[in-house]
């Protein structure tokens, strides 16, 4: 998995990732983002390059949501249809902002 982080505005963080958010990549994905969240009040996850999300990836998304709920907002963008289907089936679309 390739992960890039880019700050925008004063306190925004854009994360772009490609590949699968599965057992092999979820820990790195979560750690890399969590380590960059100090003083961030807007987290945008560009999922245009994410083709698959496993349950461990959903757990990471939930943890990021919980952390950002305390300090700002989180939004997913460019979510591909297979990933969106997983988010809908698991109820994540009820609390995550997705555009």
C-alpha atoms as a PDB file:
ATOM      1  CA  UNK A   1       0.000   0.000   0.000  1.00  0.00           C
ATOM      2  CA  UNK A   2       1.195   3.468  -0.857  1.00  0.00           C
ATOM      3  CA  UNK A   3       0.170   6.231   1.567  1.00  0.00           C
ATOM      4  CA  UNK A   4       0.759   9.950   1.108  1.00  0.00           C
ATOM      5  CA  UNK A   5      -0.065  12.659   3.614  1.00  0.00           C
ATOM      6  CA  UNK A   6      -0.426  16.310   2.709  1.00  0.00           C
ATOM      7  CA  UNK A   7      -1.382  19.161   4.992  1.00  0.00           C
ATOM      8  CA  UNK A   8      -3.806  21.761   3.691  1.00  0.00           C
ATOM      9  CA  UNK A   9      -5.080  25.021   5.119  1.00  0.00           C
ATOM     10  CA  UNK A  10      -3.690  25.394   8.615  1.00  0.00           C
ATOM     11  CA  UNK A  11      -5.077  22.320  10.306  1.00  0.00           C
ATOM     12  CA  UNK A  12      -6.215  19.958   7.548  1.00  0.00           C
ATOM     13  CA  UNK A  13      -4.691  16.655   6.518  1.00  0.00           C
ATOM     14  CA  UNK A  14      -5.356  14.911   3.195  1.00  0.00           C
ATOM     15  CA  UNK A  15      -4.482  11.225   3.051  1.00  0.00           C
ATOM     16  CA  UNK A  16      -4.281   9.426  -0.277  1.00  0.00           C
ATOM     17  CA  UNK A  17      -3.783   5.690  -0.319  1.00  0.00           C
ATOM     18  CA  UNK A  18      -3.718   3.022  -2.984  1.00  0.00           C
ATOM     19  CA  UNK A  19      -4.198  -0.717  -2.671  1.00  0.00           C
ATOM     20  CA  UNK A  20      -6.124  -2.817  -0.203  1.00  0.00           C
ATOM     21  CA  UNK A  21      -6.868  -1.889   3.388  1.00  0.00           C
ATOM     22  CA  UNK A  22      -6.406  -5.381   4.760  1.00  0.00           C
ATOM     23  CA  UNK A  23      -4.451  -7.330   7.387  1.00  0.00           C
ATOM     24  CA  UNK A  24      -1.163  -6.532   5.662  1.00  0.00           C
ATOM     25  CA  UNK A  25      -1.639  -2.770   5.406  1.00  0.00           C
ATOM     26  CA  UNK A  26      -4.125  -1.619   8.053  1.00  0.00           C
ATOM     27  CA  UNK A  27      -1.644  -1.240  10.898  1.00  0.00           C
ATOM     28  CA  UNK A  28       0.717   0.918   8.830  1.00  0.00           C
ATOM     29  CA  UNK A  29      -2.205   2.953   7.463  1.00  0.00           C
ATOM     30  CA  UNK A  30      -3.621   3.641  10.931  1.00  0.00           C
ATOM     31  CA  UNK A  31      -0.280   4.357  12.594  1.00  0.00           C
ATOM     32  CA  UNK A  32       0.938   6.699   9.874  1.00  0.00           C
ATOM     33  CA  UNK A  33      -2.248   8.760  10.052  1.00  0.00           C
ATOM     34  CA  UNK A  34      -2.585   8.760  13.853  1.00  0.00           C
ATOM     35  CA  UNK A  35       1.027   9.944  14.182  1.00  0.00           C
ATOM     36  CA  UNK A  36       0.188  12.968  12.008  1.00  0.00           C
ATOM     37  CA  UNK A  37      -3.048  14.042  13.742  1.00  0.00           C
ATOM     38  CA  UNK A  38      -1.586  16.435  16.304  1.00  0.00           C
ATOM     39  CA  UNK A  39      -3.163  19.869  15.749  1.00  0.00           C
ATOM     40  CA  UNK A  40      -5.343  18.529  12.892  1.00  0.00           C
ATOM     41  CA  UNK A  41      -9.027  19.426  12.934  1.00  0.00           C
ATOM     42  CA  UNK A  42     -10.008  18.183   9.458  1.00  0.00           C
ATOM     43  CA  UNK A  43      -9.032  14.758   8.138  1.00  0.00           C
ATOM     44  CA  UNK A  44      -9.851  13.889   4.527  1.00  0.00           C
ATOM     45  CA  UNK A  45      -9.252  10.324   3.360  1.00  0.00           C
ATOM     46  CA  UNK A  46      -9.120  10.049  -0.443  1.00  0.00           C
ATOM     47  CA  UNK A  47     -10.180   6.459  -1.115  1.00  0.00           C
ATOM     48  CA  UNK A  48      -9.979   6.717  -4.907  1.00  0.00           C
ATOM     49  CA  UNK A  49      -7.114   4.226  -4.910  1.00  0.00           C
ATOM     50  CA  UNK A  50      -8.553   1.827  -2.304  1.00  0.00           C
ATOM     51  CA  UNK A  51     -10.058  -1.240  -3.954  1.00  0.00           C
ATOM     52  CA  UNK A  52     -10.856  -3.360  -0.876  1.00  0.00           C
ATOM     53  CA  UNK A  53     -11.488  -2.887   2.844  1.00  0.00           C
ATOM     54  CA  UNK A  54     -11.317  -5.838   5.242  1.00  0.00           C
ATOM     55  CA  UNK A  55     -12.769  -5.880   8.746  1.00  0.00           C
ATOM     56  CA  UNK A  56      -9.410  -4.825  10.208  1.00  0.00           C
ATOM     57  CA  UNK A  57      -9.514  -1.807   7.880  1.00  0.00           C
ATOM     58  CA  UNK A  58     -12.987  -0.955   9.161  1.00  0.00           C
ATOM     59  CA  UNK A  59     -11.607  -1.050  12.684  1.00  0.00           C
ATOM     60  CA  UNK A  60      -8.931   1.478  11.718  1.00  0.00           C
ATOM     61  CA  UNK A  61     -11.585   3.731  10.157  1.00  0.00           C
ATOM     62  CA  UNK A  62     -13.648   3.493  13.345  1.00  0.00           C
ATOM     63  CA  UNK A  63     -10.630   4.418  15.479  1.00  0.00           C
ATOM     64  CA  UNK A  64      -9.871   7.405  13.241  1.00  0.00           C
ATOM     65  CA  UNK A  65     -13.522   8.469  13.417  1.00  0.00           C
ATOM     66  CA  UNK A  66     -13.497   8.250  17.216  1.00  0.00           C
ATOM     67  CA  UNK A  67     -10.309  10.297  17.488  1.00  0.00           C
ATOM     68  CA  UNK A  68     -11.413  12.938  14.996  1.00  0.00           C
ATOM     69  CA  UNK A  69     -14.828  13.239  16.667  1.00  0.00           C
ATOM     70  CA  UNK A  70     -12.958  14.656  19.663  1.00  0.00           C
ATOM     71  CA  UNK A  71     -10.788  17.096  17.741  1.00  0.00           C
ATOM     72  CA  UNK A  72     -12.549  17.910  14.472  1.00  0.00           C
ATOM     73  CA  UNK A  73     -14.005  16.100  11.475  1.00  0.00           C
ATOM     74  CA  UNK A  74     -13.269  13.210   9.149  1.00  0.00           C
ATOM     75  CA  UNK A  75     -14.467  12.778   5.573  1.00  0.00           C
ATOM     76  CA  UNK A  76     -13.987  10.074   2.946  1.00  0.00           C
ATOM     77  CA  UNK A  77     -13.855  11.055  -0.716  1.00  0.00           C
ATOM     78  CA  UNK A  78     -13.728   9.218  -4.040  1.00  0.00           C
ATOM     79  CA  UNK A  79     -14.907   5.945  -2.514  1.00  0.00           C
ATOM     80  CA  UNK A  80     -15.094   3.163  -5.110  1.00  0.00           C
ATOM     81  CA  UNK A  81     -18.315   1.157  -5.411  1.00  0.00           C
ATOM     82  CA  UNK A  82     -17.038  -2.124  -3.849  1.00  0.00           C
ATOM     83  CA  UNK A  83     -15.725  -0.222  -0.832  1.00  0.00           C
ATOM     84  CA  UNK A  84     -18.908   1.848  -0.590  1.00  0.00           C
ATOM     85  CA  UNK A  85     -20.938  -1.371  -0.552  1.00  0.00           C
ATOM     86  CA  UNK A  86     -18.928  -2.602   2.445  1.00  0.00           C
ATOM     87  CA  UNK A  87     -19.383   0.736   4.233  1.00  0.00           C
ATOM     88  CA  UNK A  88     -23.142   0.610   3.610  1.00  0.00           C
ATOM     89  CA  UNK A  89     -23.529  -3.017   4.726  1.00  0.00           C
ATOM     90  CA  UNK A  90     -21.628  -2.384   7.956  1.00  0.00           C
ATOM     91  CA  UNK A  91     -23.449   0.850   8.815  1.00  0.00           C
ATOM     92  CA  UNK A  92     -20.402   3.097   8.468  1.00  0.00           C
ATOM     93  CA  UNK A  93     -22.321   5.402   6.102  1.00  0.00           C
ATOM     94  CA  UNK A  94     -24.570   6.339   9.035  1.00  0.00           C
ATOM     95  CA  UNK A  95     -21.783   8.151  10.872  1.00  0.00           C
ATOM     96  CA  UNK A  96     -19.005   8.812   8.346  1.00  0.00           C
ATOM     97  CA  UNK A  97     -19.174  11.785   6.028  1.00  0.00           C
ATOM     98  CA  UNK A  98     -18.668  10.437   2.497  1.00  0.00           C
ATOM     99  CA  UNK A  99     -18.581  12.481  -0.687  1.00  0.00           C
END
